[in-house]
Protein backbone atom coordinates (compact mmCIF):
# COMPACT_ATOMS: atom_id res chain seq x y z
CA UNK A 1 -37.34 17.63 -27.74
CA UNK A 2 -33.12 17.71 -28.43
CA UNK A 3 -32.81 20.32 -25.92
CA UNK A 4 -34.69 18.68 -22.94
CA UNK A 5 -33.31 15.88 -23.26
CA UNK A 6 -29.86 17.62 -23.24
CA UNK A 7 -30.43 19.07 -20.19
CA UNK A 8 -32.05 16.16 -18.53
CA UNK A 9 -28.69 15.28 -18.80
CA UNK A 10 -26.76 17.82 -17.79
CA UNK A 11 -29.11 17.51 -14.37
CA UNK A 12 -28.42 14.15 -13.90
CA UNK A 13 -24.93 14.39 -14.40
CA UNK A 14 -24.70 17.06 -11.92
CA UNK A 15 -24.70 15.24 -8.03
CA UNK A 16 -22.88 12.87 -10.05
CA UNK A 17 -19.44 14.39 -11.28
CA UNK A 18 -20.19 16.74 -8.37
CA UNK A 19 -18.87 14.10 -5.67
CA UNK A 20 -15.31 13.19 -6.86
CA UNK A 21 -12.02 15.08 -5.49
CA UNK A 22 -9.34 14.05 -7.84
CA UNK A 23 -5.43 15.20 -9.07
CA UNK A 24 -2.52 13.82 -10.81
CA UNK A 25 0.28 15.66 -9.45
CA UNK A 26 0.17 13.08 -5.87
CA UNK A 27 3.34 12.21 -4.95
CA UNK A 28 4.35 9.07 -4.39
CA UNK A 29 7.81 7.87 -2.52
CA UNK A 30 8.70 4.92 -2.01
CA UNK A 31 12.19 3.79 0.08
CA UNK A 32 13.78 0.95 0.86
CA UNK A 33 16.76 1.33 1.82
CA UNK A 34 19.01 -0.69 4.61
CA UNK A 35 21.32 1.19 7.03
CA UNK A 36 24.95 1.71 6.17
CA UNK A 37 24.26 1.74 2.10
CA UNK A 38 23.37 4.29 -0.43
CA UNK A 39 19.67 5.13 0.06
CA UNK A 40 17.11 3.21 -2.90
CA UNK A 41 14.71 6.06 -2.92
CA UNK A 42 12.49 7.76 -5.92
CA UNK A 43 9.21 9.71 -5.84
CA UNK A 44 6.44 10.03 -8.29
CA UNK A 45 5.02 13.32 -8.86
CA UNK A 46 2.12 12.17 -11.14
CA UNK A 47 0.04 9.71 -9.86
CA UNK A 48 -2.97 10.21 -10.91
CA UNK A 49 -6.03 9.64 -8.20
CA UNK A 50 -9.73 9.85 -6.68
CA UNK A 51 -12.05 9.36 -4.30
CA UNK A 52 -16.16 9.44 -4.72
CA UNK A 53 -16.93 11.64 -1.42
CA UNK A 54 -20.40 9.85 -1.26
CA UNK A 55 -19.28 6.37 -1.45
CA UNK A 56 -15.55 6.48 -0.09
CA UNK A 57 -14.05 4.23 -3.21
CA UNK A 58 -10.25 5.51 -3.58
CA UNK A 59 -8.67 4.94 -7.10
CA UNK A 60 -5.13 5.13 -7.26
CA UNK A 61 -2.91 4.89 -11.32
CA UNK A 62 0.79 5.75 -11.54
CA UNK A 63 3.04 5.03 -14.06
CA UNK A 64 5.94 3.45 -13.16
CA UNK A 65 8.91 4.72 -15.30
CA UNK A 66 7.86 8.43 -13.49
CA UNK A 67 9.85 7.31 -10.11
CA UNK A 68 12.51 9.73 -10.54
CA UNK A 69 16.07 8.32 -8.86
CA UNK A 70 18.88 10.48 -6.76
CA UNK A 71 21.20 8.06 -8.81
CA UNK A 72 20.50 7.93 -12.47
CA UNK A 73 21.77 4.10 -13.05
CA UNK A 74 19.30 2.75 -9.98
CA UNK A 75 16.45 4.55 -11.60
CA UNK A 76 17.45 2.54 -14.91
CA UNK A 77 18.14 -1.25 -12.91
CA UNK A 78 14.80 -0.38 -11.21
CA UNK A 79 12.88 -0.75 -14.35
CA UNK A 80 14.33 -3.28 -16.20
CA UNK A 81 15.43 -5.22 -13.98
CA UNK A 82 13.25 -5.38 -10.77
CA UNK A 83 9.68 -3.96 -11.93
CA UNK A 84 9.73 -4.63 -15.37
CA UNK A 85 8.51 -1.53 -17.08
CA UNK A 86 8.05 -1.78 -20.12
CA UNK A 87 5.75 -5.51 -19.70
CA UNK A 88 4.25 -3.17 -16.58
CA UNK A 89 4.08 0.11 -16.92
CA UNK A 90 0.88 0.97 -14.27
CA UNK A 91 0.75 0.29 -10.61
CA UNK A 92 -2.73 0.64 -9.44
CA UNK A 93 -4.73 0.85 -6.17
CA UNK A 94 -8.63 0.57 -5.87
CA UNK A 95 -10.41 0.33 -2.38
CA UNK A 96 -12.72 2.14 -0.17
CA UNK A 97 -12.06 4.22 2.87
CA UNK A 98 -14.13 3.13 5.84
CA UNK A 99 -16.34 5.55 7.28
CA UNK A 100 -15.64 8.28 5.10
CA UNK A 101 -17.73 11.31 5.69
CA UNK A 102 -16.39 14.26 3.72
CA UNK A 103 -18.47 17.40 5.80
CA UNK A 104 -16.24 15.91 8.88
CA UNK A 105 -13.89 16.93 7.25
CA UNK A 106 -11.15 20.42 8.05
CA UNK A 107 -7.80 21.56 8.46
CA UNK A 108 -7.32 19.14 10.99
CA UNK A 109 -6.30 15.18 10.69
CA UNK A 110 -8.60 12.65 10.94
CA UNK A 111 -7.66 9.11 10.80
CA UNK A 112 -9.07 6.54 8.91
CA UNK A 113 -9.32 2.88 7.51
CA UNK A 114 -8.26 2.39 3.47
CA UNK A 115 -8.52 -1.10 2.08
CA UNK A 116 -8.07 -2.02 -1.23
CA UNK A 117 -6.26 -4.27 -3.76
CA UNK A 118 -2.79 -3.16 -4.69
CA UNK A 119 -1.97 -4.49 -8.34
CA UNK A 120 1.64 -4.23 -9.35
CA UNK A 121 3.70 -6.14 -12.31
CA UNK A 122 0.22 -7.48 -12.71
CA UNK A 123 0.23 -9.40 -9.04
CA UNK A 124 -3.12 -8.82 -6.54
CA UNK A 125 -2.38 -7.64 -2.91
CA UNK A 126 -4.77 -6.70 -0.33
CA UNK A 127 -3.51 -3.23 1.70
CA UNK A 128 -5.42 -2.00 4.98
CA UNK A 129 -2.96 1.30 6.43
CA UNK A 130 -4.28 4.37 8.30
CA UNK A 131 -4.52 7.75 6.23
CA UNK A 132 -4.98 11.16 7.77
CA UNK A 133 -7.36 13.27 6.23
CA UNK A 134 -8.18 17.32 6.21
CA UNK A 135 -10.04 19.54 4.30
CA UNK A 136 -7.36 22.89 3.47
CA UNK A 137 -9.79 25.59 1.16
CA UNK A 138 -10.83 23.76 -1.72
CA UNK A 139 -8.44 20.79 -1.19
CA UNK A 140 -9.02 16.89 0.17
CA UNK A 141 -4.84 16.10 1.89
CA UNK A 142 -5.14 12.75 1.99
CA UNK A 143 -1.57 11.16 4.34
CA UNK A 144 -0.78 7.13 3.87
CA UNK A 145 2.09 4.70 4.01
CA UNK A 146 1.97 1.46 4.21
CA UNK A 147 4.79 -1.70 3.55
CA UNK A 148 4.78 -4.39 0.50
CA UNK A 149 7.45 -7.28 0.53
CA UNK A 150 8.76 -7.22 -3.73
CA UNK A 151 7.92 -11.74 -2.88
CA UNK A 152 4.81 -10.14 -3.29
CA UNK A 153 5.46 -9.12 -6.22
CA UNK A 154 7.45 -11.87 -7.77
CA UNK A 155 9.98 -9.38 -7.97
CA UNK A 156 13.56 -11.21 -7.48
CA UNK A 157 16.73 -9.09 -6.15
CA UNK A 158 19.56 -11.37 -6.98
CA UNK A 159 21.82 -12.75 -3.99
CA UNK A 160 24.49 -10.58 -4.68
CA UNK A 161 22.80 -6.96 -3.51
CA UNK A 162 20.04 -8.45 -1.37
CA UNK A 163 21.42 -7.48 1.43
CA UNK A 164 21.79 -3.79 -0.33
CA UNK A 165 17.52 -3.80 -0.16
CA UNK A 166 14.89 -3.68 2.54
CA UNK A 167 12.79 -6.67 3.18
CA UNK A 168 9.70 -4.82 3.10
CA UNK A 169 9.64 -1.67 1.24
CA UNK A 170 7.39 1.68 2.37
CA UNK A 171 5.75 3.72 0.26
CA UNK A 172 4.35 6.44 1.58
CA UNK A 173 1.19 9.69 -0.46
CA UNK A 174 0.39 12.11 -0.36
CA UNK A 175 -2.15 13.91 -2.27
CA UNK A 176 -3.81 17.67 -3.59
CA UNK A 177 -7.13 16.61 -4.96
CA UNK A 178 -9.62 19.20 -5.78
CA UNK A 179 -13.34 18.98 -6.71
CA UNK A 180 -14.01 16.79 -10.45
CA UNK A 181 -15.32 19.06 -12.93
């Protein structure tokens, strides 16, 4: 009886799990530079993301402290003064890829609209952007970018440095997702 139940559970779960692609090494970058000043940009190479191939649902999680800056002092200020990384260690996105059809993908990029909720510092903001998706071998490749404003997430920029930081921050995603086993 136990063996039959186990086999039944296994066969039921295979189609569910077989529908998802994920990564734990996605690259998320941001640029907040203003011309004529030192570049303000950082990269996070450990973003986790998952796509449900059947529904087009897309989720993403990153640890804020995992952003690496070229200048250590910028990283310190980013975590302590702007992002409150100890209090708000994660940023998330939960949304949907509109009209997503995995079987239509090839090595040529195809554009899709992604719409969902970005949560930074515990504050939620609706985001809509265009993503370019393709298949590369056994991987689902995803590239996207969008802009946010620090004020949308109650990030206070001191007046003394406000002219050095862009009013709109460009965030870009570069993910290679593989089938979840």
